[in-house]
Amino acid sequence: MAQTDIFIIEYKLLGEQKSFIIRAQRMRNVEAWHWASCDAGITPIPKPGKAPLKIISKPQAEKYGITEVRWRETAALKWTEVPS
């Protein structure tokens, strides 16, 4: 499968299921917890090309009610022509 840079992050905020799509060069659990915190409004979204002011860790995010953070890579589309 071809590598893509689009990821889906799913998490729960105070028991309510949330999800969003993000474009990133790479994704690991550390980044997923941080981005879930950004989506939940706990920490500001960093400006493009600049490092975030402070990475929110899993224990910090859990204090604000974020749980069950999961992420996955989107499938790469394979475009094919339809014969005329």
N, C-alpha and C. Protein backbone atom coordinates (compact mmCIF):
# COMPACT_ATOMS: atom_id res chain seq x y z
N MET A 1 0.84 -1.18 0.00
CA MET A 1 0.00 0.00 0.00
C MET A 1 0.88 1.24 0.00
N ALA A 2 0.52 2.20 -0.81
CA ALA A 2 1.28 3.44 -0.88
C ALA A 2 1.08 4.24 0.40
N GLN A 3 2.13 4.93 0.79
CA GLN A 3 2.05 5.72 2.02
C GLN A 3 1.32 7.03 1.76
N THR A 4 0.49 7.41 2.70
CA THR A 4 -0.25 8.66 2.59
C THR A 4 0.07 9.51 3.80
N ASP A 5 -0.27 10.77 3.75
CA ASP A 5 0.00 11.65 4.89
C ASP A 5 -1.30 12.17 5.49
N ILE A 6 -2.38 11.44 5.29
CA ILE A 6 -3.67 11.82 5.86
C ILE A 6 -4.09 10.75 6.86
N PHE A 7 -4.44 11.20 8.06
CA PHE A 7 -4.77 10.28 9.15
C PHE A 7 -6.13 10.62 9.74
N ILE A 8 -6.79 9.60 10.26
CA ILE A 8 -8.04 9.78 10.98
C ILE A 8 -7.76 9.51 12.45
N ILE A 9 -8.12 10.44 13.31
CA ILE A 9 -7.93 10.28 14.75
C ILE A 9 -9.31 10.24 15.39
N GLU A 10 -9.52 9.21 16.21
CA GLU A 10 -10.78 9.05 16.94
C GLU A 10 -10.46 9.06 18.42
N TYR A 11 -11.34 9.67 19.21
CA TYR A 11 -11.15 9.71 20.65
C TYR A 11 -12.48 9.97 21.33
N LYS A 12 -12.50 9.85 22.64
CA LYS A 12 -13.69 10.21 23.41
C LYS A 12 -13.35 11.40 24.29
N LEU A 13 -14.28 12.35 24.34
CA LEU A 13 -14.15 13.53 25.19
C LEU A 13 -15.33 13.50 26.16
N LEU A 14 -15.03 13.24 27.41
CA LEU A 14 -16.07 13.12 28.44
C LEU A 14 -17.14 12.11 28.02
N GLY A 15 -16.68 11.01 27.41
CA GLY A 15 -17.57 9.93 27.00
C GLY A 15 -18.21 10.08 25.64
N GLU A 16 -18.08 11.24 25.00
CA GLU A 16 -18.68 11.48 23.69
C GLU A 16 -17.66 11.19 22.59
N GLN A 17 -18.04 10.37 21.63
CA GLN A 17 -17.15 9.97 20.53
C GLN A 17 -16.88 11.16 19.62
N LYS A 18 -15.62 11.39 19.29
CA LYS A 18 -15.20 12.47 18.38
C LYS A 18 -14.23 11.88 17.35
N SER A 19 -14.13 12.50 16.21
CA SER A 19 -13.12 12.10 15.21
C SER A 19 -12.83 13.28 14.29
N PHE A 20 -11.67 13.25 13.70
CA PHE A 20 -11.29 14.28 12.75
C PHE A 20 -10.21 13.73 11.83
N ILE A 21 -9.98 14.42 10.75
CA ILE A 21 -8.97 14.04 9.76
C ILE A 21 -7.88 15.09 9.80
N ILE A 22 -6.63 14.63 9.73
CA ILE A 22 -5.49 15.55 9.79
C ILE A 22 -4.43 15.11 8.79
N ARG A 23 -3.78 16.10 8.21
CA ARG A 23 -2.64 15.83 7.33
C ARG A 23 -1.37 16.08 8.16
N ALA A 24 -0.50 15.08 8.20
CA ALA A 24 0.75 15.18 8.95
C ALA A 24 1.81 14.33 8.27
N GLN A 25 3.07 14.70 8.47
CA GLN A 25 4.15 13.93 7.87
C GLN A 25 4.25 12.53 8.46
N ARG A 26 3.96 12.41 9.76
CA ARG A 26 3.96 11.10 10.41
C ARG A 26 2.98 11.14 11.56
N MET A 27 2.61 9.97 12.02
CA MET A 27 1.71 9.89 13.15
C MET A 27 2.16 8.75 14.05
N ARG A 28 2.24 9.05 15.32
CA ARG A 28 2.51 8.07 16.37
C ARG A 28 1.50 8.33 17.47
N ASN A 29 1.46 7.47 18.46
CA ASN A 29 0.52 7.66 19.57
C ASN A 29 0.71 9.00 20.26
N VAL A 30 1.96 9.42 20.43
CA VAL A 30 2.25 10.70 21.09
C VAL A 30 1.59 11.85 20.32
N GLU A 31 1.77 11.86 19.01
CA GLU A 31 1.17 12.92 18.20
C GLU A 31 -0.35 12.82 18.22
N ALA A 32 -0.90 11.61 18.18
CA ALA A 32 -2.36 11.45 18.16
C ALA A 32 -2.99 12.01 19.43
N TRP A 33 -2.39 11.74 20.59
CA TRP A 33 -2.92 12.29 21.84
C TRP A 33 -2.84 13.82 21.83
N HIS A 34 -1.74 14.36 21.33
CA HIS A 34 -1.60 15.81 21.27
C HIS A 34 -2.65 16.42 20.33
N TRP A 35 -2.83 15.86 19.13
CA TRP A 35 -3.78 16.41 18.18
C TRP A 35 -5.21 16.26 18.67
N ALA A 36 -5.51 15.18 19.41
CA ALA A 36 -6.84 15.04 20.01
C ALA A 36 -7.06 16.17 21.01
N SER A 37 -6.02 16.52 21.75
CA SER A 37 -6.11 17.63 22.71
C SER A 37 -6.36 18.96 21.99
N CYS A 38 -5.73 19.14 20.85
CA CYS A 38 -5.96 20.35 20.06
C CYS A 38 -7.40 20.39 19.56
N ASP A 39 -7.89 19.27 19.04
CA ASP A 39 -9.25 19.20 18.53
C ASP A 39 -10.27 19.46 19.63
N ALA A 40 -9.97 19.00 20.85
CA ALA A 40 -10.88 19.19 21.98
C ALA A 40 -10.81 20.60 22.57
N GLY A 41 -9.86 21.42 22.13
CA GLY A 41 -9.74 22.79 22.61
C GLY A 41 -8.91 22.94 23.87
N ILE A 42 -8.16 21.91 24.23
CA ILE A 42 -7.31 21.97 25.43
C ILE A 42 -6.06 22.79 25.19
N THR A 43 -5.50 22.66 24.02
CA THR A 43 -4.29 23.39 23.66
C THR A 43 -4.47 24.01 22.28
N PRO A 44 -3.82 25.14 22.01
CA PRO A 44 -3.99 25.77 20.70
C PRO A 44 -3.37 24.95 19.58
N ILE A 45 -3.94 25.08 18.40
CA ILE A 45 -3.39 24.43 17.22
C ILE A 45 -2.16 25.21 16.78
N PRO A 46 -1.00 24.53 16.61
CA PRO A 46 0.21 25.26 16.23
C PRO A 46 0.11 25.82 14.81
N LYS A 47 0.81 26.90 14.57
CA LYS A 47 0.85 27.49 13.24
C LYS A 47 1.69 26.59 12.34
N PRO A 48 1.35 26.52 11.05
CA PRO A 48 2.10 25.66 10.12
C PRO A 48 3.59 25.99 10.12
N GLY A 49 4.40 24.95 10.16
CA GLY A 49 5.85 25.11 10.11
C GLY A 49 6.49 25.43 11.44
N LYS A 50 5.70 25.62 12.48
CA LYS A 50 6.25 25.92 13.81
C LYS A 50 5.91 24.79 14.77
N ALA A 51 6.83 24.52 15.67
CA ALA A 51 6.60 23.49 16.68
C ALA A 51 5.55 23.96 17.67
N PRO A 52 4.73 23.03 18.20
CA PRO A 52 3.76 23.45 19.21
C PRO A 52 4.46 23.97 20.45
N LEU A 53 3.79 24.87 21.16
CA LEU A 53 4.39 25.45 22.36
C LEU A 53 4.63 24.39 23.42
N LYS A 54 3.67 23.48 23.58
CA LYS A 54 3.80 22.44 24.58
C LYS A 54 3.04 21.21 24.10
N ILE A 55 3.70 20.08 24.07
CA ILE A 55 3.05 18.82 23.70
C ILE A 55 2.22 18.34 24.88
N ILE A 56 0.97 18.03 24.63
CA ILE A 56 0.09 17.49 25.67
C ILE A 56 0.25 15.98 25.67
N SER A 57 0.62 15.42 26.82
CA SER A 57 0.83 13.99 26.94
C SER A 57 -0.48 13.27 27.25
N LYS A 58 -0.45 11.95 27.17
CA LYS A 58 -1.63 11.15 27.47
C LYS A 58 -2.14 11.41 28.89
N PRO A 59 -1.28 11.39 29.93
CA PRO A 59 -1.80 11.66 31.28
C PRO A 59 -2.43 13.05 31.42
N GLN A 60 -1.84 14.05 30.76
CA GLN A 60 -2.41 15.40 30.81
C GLN A 60 -3.77 15.44 30.11
N ALA A 61 -3.85 14.80 28.95
CA ALA A 61 -5.11 14.79 28.20
C ALA A 61 -6.20 14.06 28.97
N GLU A 62 -5.83 12.99 29.66
CA GLU A 62 -6.82 12.24 30.43
C GLU A 62 -7.41 13.08 31.57
N LYS A 63 -6.62 14.01 32.11
CA LYS A 63 -7.13 14.89 33.16
C LYS A 63 -8.27 15.77 32.65
N TYR A 64 -8.29 16.04 31.34
CA TYR A 64 -9.33 16.87 30.73
C TYR A 64 -10.47 16.04 30.14
N GLY A 65 -10.44 14.73 30.36
CA GLY A 65 -11.54 13.87 29.91
C GLY A 65 -11.35 13.23 28.56
N ILE A 66 -10.15 13.27 28.01
CA ILE A 66 -9.89 12.62 26.72
C ILE A 66 -9.46 11.18 26.99
N THR A 67 -10.12 10.24 26.31
CA THR A 67 -9.79 8.82 26.46
C THR A 67 -9.87 8.12 25.11
N GLU A 68 -9.37 6.90 25.09
CA GLU A 68 -9.49 6.00 23.93
C GLU A 68 -9.07 6.64 22.61
N VAL A 69 -7.90 7.25 22.59
CA VAL A 69 -7.39 7.86 21.36
C VAL A 69 -6.86 6.76 20.44
N ARG A 70 -7.39 6.72 19.24
CA ARG A 70 -6.94 5.78 18.21
C ARG A 70 -6.71 6.55 16.93
N TRP A 71 -5.78 6.07 16.13
CA TRP A 71 -5.53 6.72 14.85
C TRP A 71 -5.28 5.66 13.80
N ARG A 72 -5.52 6.03 12.55
CA ARG A 72 -5.24 5.14 11.43
C ARG A 72 -4.92 5.96 10.20
N GLU A 73 -4.17 5.36 9.34
CA GLU A 73 -3.82 6.00 8.07
C GLU A 73 -4.97 5.77 7.09
N THR A 74 -5.25 6.76 6.27
CA THR A 74 -6.29 6.58 5.26
C THR A 74 -5.73 5.73 4.13
N ALA A 75 -6.60 5.10 3.39
CA ALA A 75 -6.19 4.28 2.26
C ALA A 75 -5.80 5.18 1.10
N ALA A 76 -4.74 4.81 0.41
CA ALA A 76 -4.32 5.56 -0.77
C ALA A 76 -5.26 5.22 -1.94
N LEU A 77 -5.73 6.23 -2.63
CA LEU A 77 -6.61 6.01 -3.78
C LEU A 77 -5.78 5.63 -4.99
N LYS A 78 -6.29 4.67 -5.75
CA LYS A 78 -5.65 4.29 -7.00
C LYS A 78 -6.62 4.65 -8.13
N TRP A 79 -6.26 5.66 -8.89
CA TRP A 79 -7.14 6.14 -9.96
C TRP A 79 -6.91 5.28 -11.19
N THR A 80 -7.98 4.83 -11.78
CA THR A 80 -7.89 4.06 -13.01
C THR A 80 -8.85 4.67 -14.02
N GLU A 81 -8.49 4.55 -15.26
CA GLU A 81 -9.36 5.08 -16.31
C GLU A 81 -10.40 4.03 -16.66
N VAL A 82 -11.60 4.51 -16.92
CA VAL A 82 -12.67 3.63 -17.35
C VAL A 82 -12.63 3.58 -18.87
N PRO A 83 -12.62 2.38 -19.45
CA PRO A 83 -12.58 2.29 -20.93
C PRO A 83 -13.82 2.92 -21.55
N SER A 84 -13.64 3.58 -22.67
CA SER A 84 -14.76 4.25 -23.36
C SER A 84 -15.55 3.27 -24.17
